[in-house]
N, C-alpha and C. Protein backbone atom coordinates (compact mmCIF):
# COMPACT_ATOMS: atom_id res chain seq x y z
N UNK A 1 -16.36 -6.84 -2.05
CA UNK A 1 -16.17 -5.67 -1.19
C UNK A 1 -14.73 -5.63 -0.68
N UNK A 2 -14.10 -4.46 -0.78
CA UNK A 2 -12.75 -4.25 -0.27
C UNK A 2 -12.86 -3.56 1.09
N UNK A 3 -12.09 -4.01 2.06
CA UNK A 3 -12.07 -3.40 3.38
C UNK A 3 -10.84 -2.55 3.58
N UNK A 4 -11.01 -1.39 4.21
CA UNK A 4 -9.90 -0.48 4.51
C UNK A 4 -9.76 -0.42 6.03
N UNK A 5 -8.60 -0.84 6.53
CA UNK A 5 -8.39 -0.98 7.97
C UNK A 5 -8.25 0.38 8.64
N UNK A 6 -9.10 0.64 9.62
CA UNK A 6 -9.04 1.85 10.42
C UNK A 6 -8.38 1.53 11.76
N UNK A 7 -7.11 1.92 11.88
CA UNK A 7 -6.40 1.72 13.15
C UNK A 7 -5.83 3.05 13.64
N UNK A 8 -6.45 4.14 13.15
CA UNK A 8 -6.13 5.46 13.64
C UNK A 8 -4.89 6.10 13.05
N UNK A 9 -4.46 5.65 11.84
CA UNK A 9 -3.20 6.15 11.29
C UNK A 9 -3.31 6.62 9.85
N UNK A 10 -4.50 7.02 9.37
CA UNK A 10 -4.58 7.39 7.96
C UNK A 10 -5.86 8.14 7.65
N UNK A 11 -5.83 8.82 6.48
CA UNK A 11 -7.04 9.40 5.90
C UNK A 11 -7.73 8.32 5.08
N UNK A 12 -8.67 7.65 5.68
CA UNK A 12 -9.27 6.46 5.07
C UNK A 12 -10.22 6.82 3.93
N UNK A 13 -10.89 7.94 4.06
CA UNK A 13 -11.92 8.29 3.09
C UNK A 13 -11.36 8.47 1.69
N UNK A 14 -10.14 9.00 1.56
CA UNK A 14 -9.56 9.21 0.23
C UNK A 14 -9.31 7.87 -0.46
N UNK A 15 -8.90 6.85 0.29
CA UNK A 15 -8.71 5.53 -0.29
C UNK A 15 -10.06 4.94 -0.70
N UNK A 16 -11.04 5.09 0.17
CA UNK A 16 -12.38 4.58 -0.14
C UNK A 16 -12.93 5.24 -1.41
N UNK A 17 -12.76 6.55 -1.52
CA UNK A 17 -13.25 7.26 -2.70
C UNK A 17 -12.52 6.81 -3.96
N UNK A 18 -11.24 6.48 -3.83
CA UNK A 18 -10.49 5.98 -4.98
C UNK A 18 -11.09 4.71 -5.54
N UNK A 19 -11.42 3.78 -4.66
CA UNK A 19 -12.07 2.54 -5.11
C UNK A 19 -13.44 2.83 -5.71
N UNK A 20 -14.18 3.71 -5.07
CA UNK A 20 -15.53 4.01 -5.56
C UNK A 20 -15.50 4.63 -6.95
N UNK A 21 -14.48 5.44 -7.24
CA UNK A 21 -14.33 6.02 -8.57
C UNK A 21 -14.04 4.93 -9.62
N UNK A 22 -13.51 3.81 -9.16
CA UNK A 22 -13.26 2.69 -10.06
C UNK A 22 -14.40 1.69 -10.07
N UNK A 23 -15.52 2.06 -9.47
CA UNK A 23 -16.68 1.18 -9.47
C UNK A 23 -16.58 0.01 -8.53
N UNK A 24 -15.75 0.14 -7.50
CA UNK A 24 -15.52 -0.96 -6.55
C UNK A 24 -16.06 -0.56 -5.18
N UNK A 25 -16.88 -1.39 -4.60
CA UNK A 25 -17.39 -1.14 -3.26
C UNK A 25 -16.28 -1.29 -2.23
N UNK A 26 -16.18 -0.32 -1.33
CA UNK A 26 -15.15 -0.35 -0.29
C UNK A 26 -15.76 0.13 1.02
N UNK A 27 -15.39 -0.54 2.09
CA UNK A 27 -15.91 -0.19 3.40
C UNK A 27 -14.76 0.01 4.37
N UNK A 28 -14.95 0.86 5.36
CA UNK A 28 -13.94 1.10 6.38
C UNK A 28 -14.19 0.16 7.55
N UNK A 29 -13.17 -0.60 7.91
CA UNK A 29 -13.28 -1.59 8.99
C UNK A 29 -12.74 -1.00 10.28
N UNK A 30 -13.59 -0.90 11.28
CA UNK A 30 -13.18 -0.35 12.57
C UNK A 30 -12.91 -1.45 13.60
N UNK A 31 -13.25 -2.71 13.25
CA UNK A 31 -12.98 -3.83 14.14
C UNK A 31 -12.74 -5.10 13.32
N UNK A 32 -11.92 -6.00 13.83
CA UNK A 32 -11.54 -7.19 13.07
C UNK A 32 -12.72 -8.06 12.64
N UNK A 33 -13.80 -8.06 13.39
CA UNK A 33 -14.95 -8.91 13.06
C UNK A 33 -15.57 -8.55 11.72
N UNK A 34 -15.28 -7.36 11.21
CA UNK A 34 -15.83 -6.93 9.92
C UNK A 34 -15.05 -7.47 8.73
N UNK A 35 -13.92 -8.10 8.96
CA UNK A 35 -13.04 -8.52 7.89
C UNK A 35 -13.50 -9.78 7.16
N UNK A 36 -14.12 -10.70 7.85
CA UNK A 36 -14.36 -12.05 7.34
C UNK A 36 -15.03 -12.11 5.97
N UNK A 37 -16.11 -11.36 5.70
CA UNK A 37 -16.79 -11.51 4.41
C UNK A 37 -16.14 -10.76 3.25
N UNK A 38 -15.03 -10.06 3.49
CA UNK A 38 -14.44 -9.19 2.48
C UNK A 38 -13.58 -9.97 1.48
N UNK A 39 -13.46 -9.39 0.28
CA UNK A 39 -12.65 -10.02 -0.77
C UNK A 39 -11.18 -9.64 -0.67
N UNK A 40 -10.89 -8.47 -0.13
CA UNK A 40 -9.52 -8.00 0.01
C UNK A 40 -9.45 -6.91 1.05
N UNK A 41 -8.23 -6.63 1.52
CA UNK A 41 -8.01 -5.62 2.55
C UNK A 41 -6.94 -4.63 2.11
N UNK A 42 -7.11 -3.39 2.55
CA UNK A 42 -6.09 -2.36 2.36
C UNK A 42 -5.63 -1.88 3.73
N UNK A 43 -4.31 -1.82 3.91
CA UNK A 43 -3.71 -1.31 5.15
C UNK A 43 -3.02 0.01 4.81
N UNK A 44 -3.73 1.13 5.00
CA UNK A 44 -3.11 2.43 4.72
C UNK A 44 -2.26 2.85 5.91
N UNK A 45 -1.65 4.04 5.82
CA UNK A 45 -0.88 4.47 6.97
C UNK A 45 -0.16 5.79 6.75
N UNK A 46 -0.23 6.64 7.75
CA UNK A 46 0.52 7.90 7.79
C UNK A 46 1.01 8.07 9.22
N UNK A 47 2.30 8.32 9.41
CA UNK A 47 2.80 8.50 10.76
C UNK A 47 4.00 7.62 11.05
N UNK A 48 4.18 7.27 12.31
CA UNK A 48 5.36 6.54 12.75
C UNK A 48 5.12 5.04 12.83
N UNK A 49 6.12 4.27 12.46
CA UNK A 49 6.04 2.81 12.40
C UNK A 49 5.67 2.21 13.76
N UNK A 50 6.37 2.62 14.81
CA UNK A 50 6.13 2.05 16.13
C UNK A 50 4.71 2.32 16.63
N UNK A 51 4.22 3.53 16.40
CA UNK A 51 2.85 3.86 16.79
C UNK A 51 1.84 3.01 16.03
N UNK A 52 2.12 2.80 14.74
CA UNK A 52 1.21 2.01 13.91
C UNK A 52 1.13 0.57 14.40
N UNK A 53 2.27 -0.04 14.71
CA UNK A 53 2.26 -1.41 15.20
C UNK A 53 1.54 -1.50 16.54
N UNK A 54 1.74 -0.50 17.40
CA UNK A 54 1.04 -0.47 18.69
C UNK A 54 -0.47 -0.42 18.47
N UNK A 55 -0.91 0.43 17.55
CA UNK A 55 -2.34 0.57 17.30
C UNK A 55 -2.94 -0.69 16.70
N UNK A 56 -2.20 -1.35 15.81
CA UNK A 56 -2.70 -2.61 15.25
C UNK A 56 -2.91 -3.65 16.35
N UNK A 57 -1.98 -3.72 17.29
CA UNK A 57 -2.11 -4.66 18.39
C UNK A 57 -3.25 -4.26 19.32
N UNK A 58 -3.33 -2.97 19.64
CA UNK A 58 -4.34 -2.47 20.57
C UNK A 58 -5.76 -2.71 20.05
N UNK A 59 -5.95 -2.57 18.76
CA UNK A 59 -7.28 -2.69 18.16
C UNK A 59 -7.65 -4.12 17.79
N UNK A 60 -6.71 -5.06 17.94
CA UNK A 60 -6.98 -6.45 17.60
C UNK A 60 -6.73 -6.79 16.15
N UNK A 61 -6.33 -5.80 15.35
CA UNK A 61 -6.10 -6.07 13.94
C UNK A 61 -4.82 -6.86 13.69
N UNK A 62 -3.87 -6.81 14.60
CA UNK A 62 -2.60 -7.48 14.38
C UNK A 62 -2.79 -8.98 14.16
N UNK A 63 -3.44 -9.65 15.09
CA UNK A 63 -3.66 -11.09 14.95
C UNK A 63 -4.63 -11.40 13.81
N UNK A 64 -5.61 -10.53 13.61
CA UNK A 64 -6.57 -10.75 12.52
C UNK A 64 -5.88 -10.69 11.17
N UNK A 65 -4.95 -9.75 10.99
CA UNK A 65 -4.22 -9.65 9.74
C UNK A 65 -3.30 -10.84 9.53
N UNK A 66 -2.71 -11.35 10.59
CA UNK A 66 -1.86 -12.54 10.47
C UNK A 66 -2.68 -13.74 10.01
N UNK A 67 -3.88 -13.90 10.54
CA UNK A 67 -4.75 -14.99 10.09
C UNK A 67 -5.14 -14.80 8.63
N UNK A 68 -5.45 -13.57 8.28
CA UNK A 68 -5.84 -13.24 6.91
C UNK A 68 -4.76 -13.66 5.91
N UNK A 69 -3.53 -13.31 6.21
CA UNK A 69 -2.42 -13.61 5.30
C UNK A 69 -2.12 -15.10 5.29
N UNK A 70 -2.20 -15.77 6.43
CA UNK A 70 -2.00 -17.22 6.47
C UNK A 70 -2.99 -17.93 5.56
N UNK A 71 -4.19 -17.38 5.43
CA UNK A 71 -5.22 -17.97 4.58
C UNK A 71 -5.05 -17.61 3.11
N UNK A 72 -4.02 -16.82 2.79
CA UNK A 72 -3.72 -16.47 1.42
C UNK A 72 -4.67 -15.46 0.81
N UNK A 73 -5.25 -14.60 1.63
CA UNK A 73 -6.21 -13.61 1.15
C UNK A 73 -5.50 -12.30 0.82
N UNK A 74 -5.96 -11.54 -0.19
CA UNK A 74 -5.22 -10.39 -0.69
C UNK A 74 -5.16 -9.21 0.29
N UNK A 75 -3.97 -8.63 0.41
CA UNK A 75 -3.73 -7.48 1.28
C UNK A 75 -2.85 -6.49 0.55
N UNK A 76 -3.23 -5.21 0.57
CA UNK A 76 -2.45 -4.14 -0.04
C UNK A 76 -2.08 -3.11 1.02
N UNK A 77 -0.78 -2.90 1.23
CA UNK A 77 -0.30 -1.86 2.13
C UNK A 77 0.06 -0.61 1.36
N UNK A 78 -0.31 0.56 1.88
CA UNK A 78 -0.04 1.83 1.21
C UNK A 78 0.82 2.71 2.11
N UNK A 79 1.94 3.21 1.56
CA UNK A 79 2.87 4.11 2.24
C UNK A 79 3.37 3.47 3.55
N UNK A 80 3.04 4.03 4.71
CA UNK A 80 3.43 3.38 5.96
C UNK A 80 2.87 1.96 6.02
N UNK A 81 1.70 1.76 5.45
CA UNK A 81 1.12 0.41 5.42
C UNK A 81 1.99 -0.57 4.69
N UNK A 82 2.69 -0.13 3.64
CA UNK A 82 3.64 -1.00 2.96
C UNK A 82 4.83 -1.30 3.87
N UNK A 83 5.33 -0.29 4.57
CA UNK A 83 6.48 -0.50 5.45
C UNK A 83 6.15 -1.48 6.57
N UNK A 84 4.91 -1.45 7.05
CA UNK A 84 4.51 -2.37 8.12
C UNK A 84 4.56 -3.83 7.68
N UNK A 85 4.51 -4.08 6.37
CA UNK A 85 4.57 -5.45 5.87
C UNK A 85 5.93 -6.09 6.11
N UNK A 86 6.96 -5.27 6.32
CA UNK A 86 8.32 -5.76 6.48
C UNK A 86 8.55 -6.34 7.88
N UNK A 87 9.76 -6.82 8.10
CA UNK A 87 10.09 -7.51 9.35
C UNK A 87 10.47 -6.55 10.48
N UNK A 88 11.19 -5.48 10.11
CA UNK A 88 11.72 -4.60 11.14
C UNK A 88 11.95 -3.21 10.55
N UNK A 89 11.83 -2.19 11.39
CA UNK A 89 12.06 -0.81 10.95
C UNK A 89 13.04 -0.12 11.89
N UNK A 90 13.90 0.71 11.31
CA UNK A 90 14.83 1.48 12.13
C UNK A 90 14.25 2.82 12.55
N UNK A 91 13.00 3.11 12.19
CA UNK A 91 12.39 4.39 12.54
C UNK A 91 12.14 4.47 14.06
N UNK A 92 12.91 5.31 14.72
CA UNK A 92 12.80 5.44 16.18
C UNK A 92 12.85 4.07 16.85
N UNK A 93 13.63 3.18 16.28
CA UNK A 93 13.57 1.79 16.70
C UNK A 93 14.89 1.22 17.13
N UNK A 94 15.00 -0.10 16.94
CA UNK A 94 14.20 -0.90 15.99
C UNK A 94 12.81 -1.27 16.52
N UNK A 95 11.88 -1.44 15.55
CA UNK A 95 10.53 -1.91 15.85
C UNK A 95 10.22 -3.09 14.94
N UNK A 96 9.60 -4.11 15.52
CA UNK A 96 9.23 -5.31 14.76
C UNK A 96 7.98 -5.04 13.95
N UNK A 97 7.98 -5.48 12.68
CA UNK A 97 6.84 -5.32 11.80
C UNK A 97 6.03 -6.59 11.66
N UNK A 98 5.19 -6.63 10.64
CA UNK A 98 4.30 -7.77 10.42
C UNK A 98 5.03 -8.98 9.84
N UNK A 99 6.15 -8.79 9.19
CA UNK A 99 6.96 -9.87 8.62
C UNK A 99 6.19 -10.64 7.53
N UNK A 100 5.28 -9.95 6.83
CA UNK A 100 4.57 -10.59 5.73
C UNK A 100 5.44 -10.67 4.48
N UNK A 101 6.27 -9.65 4.27
CA UNK A 101 7.27 -9.66 3.21
C UNK A 101 8.60 -9.37 3.90
N UNK A 102 9.40 -10.40 4.20
CA UNK A 102 10.62 -10.21 4.98
C UNK A 102 11.52 -9.11 4.41
N UNK A 103 12.02 -8.28 5.30
CA UNK A 103 12.89 -7.19 4.89
C UNK A 103 13.00 -6.12 5.95
N UNK A 104 13.74 -5.07 5.64
CA UNK A 104 14.00 -3.99 6.58
C UNK A 104 13.46 -2.66 6.04
N UNK A 105 13.09 -1.79 6.97
CA UNK A 105 12.69 -0.42 6.62
C UNK A 105 13.83 0.51 7.05
N UNK A 106 14.37 1.24 6.07
CA UNK A 106 15.51 2.11 6.33
C UNK A 106 15.18 3.55 5.99
N UNK A 107 15.92 4.48 6.60
CA UNK A 107 15.73 5.90 6.33
C UNK A 107 16.63 6.34 5.17
N UNK A 108 16.12 7.24 4.33
CA UNK A 108 16.97 7.85 3.33
C UNK A 108 18.13 8.56 4.02
N UNK A 109 19.30 8.48 3.42
CA UNK A 109 20.47 9.18 3.94
C UNK A 109 21.23 9.80 2.78
N UNK A 110 21.68 11.03 2.96
CA UNK A 110 22.43 11.69 1.91
C UNK A 110 22.15 13.18 1.90
N UNK A 111 22.86 13.88 1.02
CA UNK A 111 22.71 15.32 0.91
C UNK A 111 21.67 15.65 -0.15
N UNK A 112 20.44 15.27 0.15
CA UNK A 112 19.31 15.58 -0.72
C UNK A 112 18.08 15.75 0.16
N UNK A 113 17.01 16.25 -0.42
CA UNK A 113 15.82 16.59 0.36
C UNK A 113 15.16 15.34 0.94
N UNK A 114 14.99 15.35 2.25
CA UNK A 114 14.28 14.30 2.98
C UNK A 114 13.27 15.00 3.88
N UNK A 115 11.99 14.63 3.80
CA UNK A 115 11.42 13.48 3.10
C UNK A 115 11.33 13.65 1.59
N UNK A 116 11.17 12.54 0.93
CA UNK A 116 10.90 12.51 -0.50
C UNK A 116 9.43 12.86 -0.69
N UNK A 117 9.16 14.03 -1.28
CA UNK A 117 7.79 14.48 -1.50
C UNK A 117 7.64 14.91 -2.95
N UNK A 118 6.69 14.32 -3.64
CA UNK A 118 6.43 14.75 -5.01
C UNK A 118 6.12 13.61 -5.95
N UNK A 119 6.10 13.96 -7.24
CA UNK A 119 5.71 13.03 -8.31
C UNK A 119 6.93 12.40 -8.94
N UNK A 120 6.94 11.07 -9.01
CA UNK A 120 8.02 10.34 -9.66
C UNK A 120 7.46 9.17 -10.45
N UNK A 121 8.18 8.78 -11.49
CA UNK A 121 7.76 7.62 -12.28
C UNK A 121 8.41 6.35 -11.74
N UNK A 122 7.90 5.23 -12.17
CA UNK A 122 8.43 3.93 -11.78
C UNK A 122 9.41 3.42 -12.83
N UNK A 123 10.38 2.64 -12.39
CA UNK A 123 11.33 1.99 -13.29
C UNK A 123 11.42 0.51 -12.92
N UNK A 124 12.04 -0.25 -13.79
CA UNK A 124 12.20 -1.70 -13.55
C UNK A 124 10.87 -2.36 -13.20
N UNK A 125 9.84 -2.04 -13.98
CA UNK A 125 8.50 -2.56 -13.72
C UNK A 125 8.40 -4.01 -14.18
N UNK A 126 8.01 -4.90 -13.29
CA UNK A 126 7.86 -6.30 -13.64
C UNK A 126 6.46 -6.55 -14.19
N UNK A 127 6.32 -7.68 -14.86
CA UNK A 127 5.01 -8.08 -15.35
C UNK A 127 4.25 -8.72 -14.20
N UNK A 128 3.22 -8.02 -13.72
CA UNK A 128 2.47 -8.50 -12.56
C UNK A 128 1.06 -7.93 -12.65
N UNK A 129 0.04 -8.70 -12.22
CA UNK A 129 -1.34 -8.20 -12.30
C UNK A 129 -1.56 -6.86 -11.60
N UNK A 130 -0.82 -6.58 -10.52
CA UNK A 130 -1.00 -5.31 -9.83
C UNK A 130 -0.56 -4.12 -10.69
N UNK A 131 0.33 -4.39 -11.66
CA UNK A 131 0.90 -3.32 -12.47
C UNK A 131 0.41 -3.36 -13.92
N UNK A 132 -0.67 -4.05 -14.16
CA UNK A 132 -1.24 -4.09 -15.50
C UNK A 132 -1.57 -2.67 -15.98
N UNK A 133 -1.11 -2.34 -17.17
CA UNK A 133 -1.40 -1.02 -17.74
C UNK A 133 -0.52 0.09 -17.24
N UNK A 134 0.49 -0.21 -16.40
CA UNK A 134 1.39 0.80 -15.84
C UNK A 134 2.71 0.79 -16.60
N UNK A 135 3.21 1.97 -16.94
CA UNK A 135 4.48 2.07 -17.67
C UNK A 135 5.40 3.08 -16.99
N UNK A 136 6.61 3.21 -17.53
CA UNK A 136 7.59 4.15 -16.97
C UNK A 136 7.20 5.60 -17.27
N UNK A 137 6.19 5.80 -18.09
CA UNK A 137 5.70 7.16 -18.36
C UNK A 137 4.68 7.64 -17.33
N UNK A 138 4.28 6.75 -16.43
CA UNK A 138 3.26 7.07 -15.44
C UNK A 138 3.91 7.57 -14.15
N UNK A 139 3.33 8.62 -13.57
CA UNK A 139 3.88 9.23 -12.36
C UNK A 139 2.95 9.02 -11.17
N UNK A 140 3.58 8.90 -9.99
CA UNK A 140 2.84 8.61 -8.76
C UNK A 140 3.32 9.56 -7.66
N UNK A 141 2.45 9.76 -6.67
CA UNK A 141 2.72 10.75 -5.62
C UNK A 141 3.30 10.08 -4.37
N UNK A 142 4.50 10.52 -3.98
CA UNK A 142 5.23 9.98 -2.84
C UNK A 142 5.35 11.00 -1.72
N UNK A 143 5.26 10.51 -0.47
CA UNK A 143 5.56 11.32 0.72
C UNK A 143 6.14 10.37 1.76
N UNK A 144 7.46 10.33 1.90
CA UNK A 144 8.06 9.39 2.85
C UNK A 144 9.53 9.71 3.09
N UNK A 145 10.01 9.29 4.27
CA UNK A 145 11.41 9.41 4.63
C UNK A 145 12.08 8.05 4.74
N UNK A 146 11.27 6.99 4.76
CA UNK A 146 11.76 5.62 4.92
C UNK A 146 11.32 4.78 3.73
N UNK A 147 12.03 3.70 3.49
CA UNK A 147 11.74 2.82 2.36
C UNK A 147 12.03 1.37 2.75
N UNK A 148 11.41 0.45 2.04
CA UNK A 148 11.54 -0.97 2.35
C UNK A 148 12.65 -1.61 1.50
N UNK A 149 13.46 -2.43 2.15
CA UNK A 149 14.46 -3.24 1.44
C UNK A 149 14.10 -4.70 1.68
N UNK A 150 13.37 -5.34 0.74
CA UNK A 150 12.99 -6.75 0.92
C UNK A 150 14.21 -7.67 0.95
N UNK A 151 14.11 -8.71 1.75
CA UNK A 151 15.19 -9.70 1.81
C UNK A 151 15.36 -10.39 0.45
N UNK A 152 14.25 -10.70 -0.20
CA UNK A 152 14.26 -11.33 -1.52
C UNK A 152 14.08 -10.25 -2.58
N UNK A 153 15.10 -9.98 -3.41
CA UNK A 153 14.97 -8.94 -4.44
C UNK A 153 13.80 -9.18 -5.39
N UNK A 154 13.37 -10.44 -5.52
CA UNK A 154 12.24 -10.75 -6.41
C UNK A 154 10.93 -10.17 -5.90
N UNK A 155 10.90 -9.77 -4.63
CA UNK A 155 9.69 -9.17 -4.06
C UNK A 155 9.50 -7.72 -4.53
N UNK A 156 10.53 -7.14 -5.15
CA UNK A 156 10.41 -5.78 -5.67
C UNK A 156 9.76 -5.85 -7.05
N UNK A 157 8.55 -5.35 -7.16
CA UNK A 157 7.80 -5.40 -8.43
C UNK A 157 8.06 -4.17 -9.29
N UNK A 158 8.45 -3.06 -8.68
CA UNK A 158 8.81 -1.84 -9.40
C UNK A 158 9.62 -0.96 -8.46
N UNK A 159 10.51 -0.19 -9.05
CA UNK A 159 11.36 0.71 -8.27
C UNK A 159 11.11 2.16 -8.65
N UNK A 160 11.68 3.05 -7.85
CA UNK A 160 11.67 4.48 -8.12
C UNK A 160 13.08 5.00 -7.90
N UNK A 161 13.48 5.98 -8.68
CA UNK A 161 14.82 6.54 -8.55
C UNK A 161 14.74 7.88 -7.83
N UNK A 162 15.17 7.91 -6.59
CA UNK A 162 15.27 9.16 -5.83
C UNK A 162 16.65 9.18 -5.19
N UNK A 163 17.62 9.73 -5.93
CA UNK A 163 19.03 9.68 -5.52
C UNK A 163 19.46 8.24 -5.27
N UNK A 164 18.99 7.37 -6.13
CA UNK A 164 19.23 5.93 -6.02
C UNK A 164 17.90 5.19 -6.05
N UNK A 165 17.96 3.93 -6.45
CA UNK A 165 16.74 3.14 -6.58
C UNK A 165 16.25 2.65 -5.22
N UNK A 166 14.94 2.66 -5.04
CA UNK A 166 14.33 2.03 -3.87
C UNK A 166 13.05 1.33 -4.32
N UNK A 167 12.54 0.42 -3.49
CA UNK A 167 11.34 -0.35 -3.83
C UNK A 167 10.11 0.54 -3.73
N UNK A 168 9.42 0.70 -4.87
CA UNK A 168 8.19 1.50 -4.89
C UNK A 168 6.95 0.63 -4.83
N UNK A 169 7.07 -0.60 -5.34
CA UNK A 169 5.98 -1.57 -5.29
C UNK A 169 6.58 -2.92 -4.93
N UNK A 170 6.00 -3.60 -3.94
CA UNK A 170 6.48 -4.91 -3.55
C UNK A 170 5.33 -5.90 -3.56
N UNK A 171 5.67 -7.17 -3.64
CA UNK A 171 4.64 -8.20 -3.62
C UNK A 171 5.22 -9.57 -3.39
N UNK A 172 4.52 -10.36 -2.61
CA UNK A 172 4.91 -11.74 -2.36
C UNK A 172 3.67 -12.52 -1.97
N UNK A 173 3.35 -13.54 -2.77
CA UNK A 173 2.12 -14.28 -2.52
C UNK A 173 0.92 -13.38 -2.72
N UNK A 174 0.06 -13.31 -1.71
CA UNK A 174 -1.15 -12.49 -1.80
C UNK A 174 -0.98 -11.13 -1.14
N UNK A 175 0.25 -10.76 -0.79
CA UNK A 175 0.51 -9.51 -0.08
C UNK A 175 1.27 -8.55 -0.99
N UNK A 176 0.79 -7.30 -1.03
CA UNK A 176 1.37 -6.29 -1.91
C UNK A 176 1.52 -4.97 -1.18
N UNK A 177 2.37 -4.09 -1.69
CA UNK A 177 2.53 -2.78 -1.09
C UNK A 177 2.96 -1.75 -2.11
N UNK A 178 2.49 -0.51 -1.94
CA UNK A 178 2.95 0.62 -2.74
C UNK A 178 3.47 1.70 -1.80
N UNK A 179 4.69 2.18 -2.06
CA UNK A 179 5.23 3.24 -1.23
C UNK A 179 4.54 4.57 -1.53
N UNK A 180 4.10 4.75 -2.76
CA UNK A 180 3.35 5.95 -3.13
C UNK A 180 1.90 5.81 -2.71
N UNK A 181 1.17 6.92 -2.81
CA UNK A 181 -0.26 6.95 -2.49
C UNK A 181 -1.07 6.81 -3.78
N UNK A 182 -1.59 5.63 -4.10
CA UNK A 182 -2.38 5.51 -5.32
C UNK A 182 -3.64 6.37 -5.30
N UNK A 183 -4.20 6.58 -4.12
CA UNK A 183 -5.43 7.37 -4.02
C UNK A 183 -5.18 8.86 -4.28
N UNK A 184 -3.90 9.27 -4.32
CA UNK A 184 -3.56 10.66 -4.61
C UNK A 184 -2.79 10.80 -5.92
N UNK A 185 -2.77 9.74 -6.71
CA UNK A 185 -1.94 9.69 -7.92
C UNK A 185 -2.74 9.71 -9.21
N UNK A 186 -3.92 10.30 -9.18
CA UNK A 186 -4.70 10.46 -10.39
C UNK A 186 -5.07 9.15 -11.05
N UNK A 187 -5.19 9.19 -12.38
CA UNK A 187 -5.65 8.04 -13.14
C UNK A 187 -4.72 6.84 -12.99
N UNK A 188 -3.42 7.09 -12.91
CA UNK A 188 -2.46 5.99 -12.78
C UNK A 188 -2.62 5.28 -11.43
N UNK A 189 -2.81 6.05 -10.38
CA UNK A 189 -3.02 5.45 -9.07
C UNK A 189 -4.32 4.69 -8.99
N UNK A 190 -5.36 5.23 -9.62
CA UNK A 190 -6.64 4.52 -9.63
C UNK A 190 -6.53 3.21 -10.39
N UNK A 191 -5.67 3.18 -11.39
CA UNK A 191 -5.46 1.93 -12.11
C UNK A 191 -4.88 0.85 -11.18
N UNK A 192 -3.99 1.26 -10.28
CA UNK A 192 -3.44 0.33 -9.29
C UNK A 192 -4.54 -0.21 -8.40
N UNK A 193 -5.43 0.67 -7.93
CA UNK A 193 -6.54 0.23 -7.08
C UNK A 193 -7.46 -0.72 -7.85
N UNK A 194 -7.72 -0.39 -9.11
CA UNK A 194 -8.55 -1.26 -9.95
C UNK A 194 -7.89 -2.63 -10.12
N UNK A 195 -6.58 -2.63 -10.34
CA UNK A 195 -5.85 -3.89 -10.50
C UNK A 195 -5.93 -4.74 -9.24
N UNK A 196 -5.80 -4.07 -8.08
CA UNK A 196 -5.91 -4.82 -6.83
C UNK A 196 -7.30 -5.42 -6.68
N UNK A 197 -8.32 -4.65 -7.03
CA UNK A 197 -9.68 -5.16 -6.97
C UNK A 197 -9.85 -6.36 -7.89
N UNK A 198 -9.21 -6.32 -9.05
CA UNK A 198 -9.27 -7.46 -9.97
C UNK A 198 -8.62 -8.69 -9.36
N UNK A 199 -7.49 -8.49 -8.68
CA UNK A 199 -6.82 -9.60 -8.00
C UNK A 199 -7.75 -10.21 -6.96
N UNK A 200 -8.53 -9.35 -6.31
CA UNK A 200 -9.47 -9.81 -5.27
C UNK A 200 -10.73 -10.42 -5.87
N UNK A 201 -10.90 -10.31 -7.19
CA UNK A 201 -12.09 -10.85 -7.83
C UNK A 201 -13.28 -9.94 -7.77
N UNK A 202 -13.06 -8.65 -7.48
CA UNK A 202 -14.15 -7.69 -7.41
C UNK A 202 -14.44 -7.14 -8.80
N UNK A 203 -15.66 -7.31 -9.27
CA UNK A 203 -16.01 -6.89 -10.62
C UNK A 203 -16.27 -5.39 -10.68
N UNK A 204 -15.92 -4.80 -11.82
CA UNK A 204 -16.18 -3.39 -12.07
C UNK A 204 -17.68 -3.16 -12.16
N UNK A 205 -18.09 -2.01 -11.65
CA UNK A 205 -19.49 -1.64 -11.78
C UNK A 205 -20.29 -1.82 -10.50
N UNK A 206 -19.64 -2.28 -9.43
CA UNK A 206 -20.36 -2.50 -8.17
C UNK A 206 -20.90 -1.19 -7.60
N UNK A 207 -20.28 -0.08 -7.97
CA UNK A 207 -20.72 1.22 -7.45
C UNK A 207 -21.17 2.13 -8.60
N UNK A 208 -21.44 1.56 -9.75
CA UNK A 208 -21.89 2.39 -10.86
C UNK A 208 -20.81 2.57 -11.90
N UNK A 209 -20.89 3.65 -12.71
CA UNK A 209 -19.96 3.88 -13.80
C UNK A 209 -18.54 4.09 -13.28
N UNK A 210 -17.58 3.62 -14.07
CA UNK A 210 -16.19 3.80 -13.73
C UNK A 210 -15.74 5.19 -14.17
N UNK A 211 -15.02 5.89 -13.27
CA UNK A 211 -14.58 7.25 -13.55
C UNK A 211 -13.12 7.39 -13.20
N UNK A 212 -12.38 8.14 -14.00
CA UNK A 212 -10.96 8.38 -13.74
C UNK A 212 -10.75 9.80 -13.26
N UNK A 213 -9.93 9.93 -12.20
CA UNK A 213 -9.61 11.26 -11.68
C UNK A 213 -8.38 11.80 -12.37
N UNK A 214 -8.28 13.12 -12.47
CA UNK A 214 -7.06 13.73 -12.97
C UNK A 214 -6.00 13.74 -11.89
N UNK A 215 -4.77 14.01 -12.29
CA UNK A 215 -3.66 14.02 -11.34
C UNK A 215 -3.87 15.13 -10.32
N UNK A 216 -3.58 14.80 -9.06
CA UNK A 216 -3.68 15.80 -8.00
C UNK A 216 -2.65 15.53 -6.94
N UNK A 217 -2.13 16.56 -6.36
CA UNK A 217 -1.17 16.41 -5.28
C UNK A 217 -1.77 16.71 -3.93
N UNK A 218 -3.10 16.80 -3.86
CA UNK A 218 -3.75 17.14 -2.59
C UNK A 218 -3.61 16.00 -1.59
């Protein structure tokens, strides 16, 4: 079973439905006590970094997530959830992050459209279980104004080119993040969720037949 952290900062049901389409059982966690029996966790997020960190602390998930990661258990951050994995963010800040993957969160700067909204492919894809079956021909849906710069360049598992390269997928140990929304990225995004479930040891078929969604920007 995969748990999706509810700390008041995301549309949780779309992530849950993404796993269910891949035949993976997923539950929404509203309190830390629900985490213990789970095989893996997803930290989604939409909104501001500082508010998200406040909510994680207020709900008790902050310390619970730190214990989870210390124990080497799988965690996937999505969009703002990926940014929270870093050490510090300049968004209305500075604000201290979870420091699970050391690095900084910076705002896009330049004479181009911000936020970055739309479909883009990945480049510089490394060989990693999270990216099994993913190629540079696959497109993913992004909505963000900030991006993560890991301290260790090896933590960047794949990049995206939006007026320059930025980290689109990161990973270190049992902690991973995607700047794009896999739950909104059609079949390619669902493959990412399936790969994460495989890392967690969750077998296909827990929720019935496996189904692939078509690309959607909703």
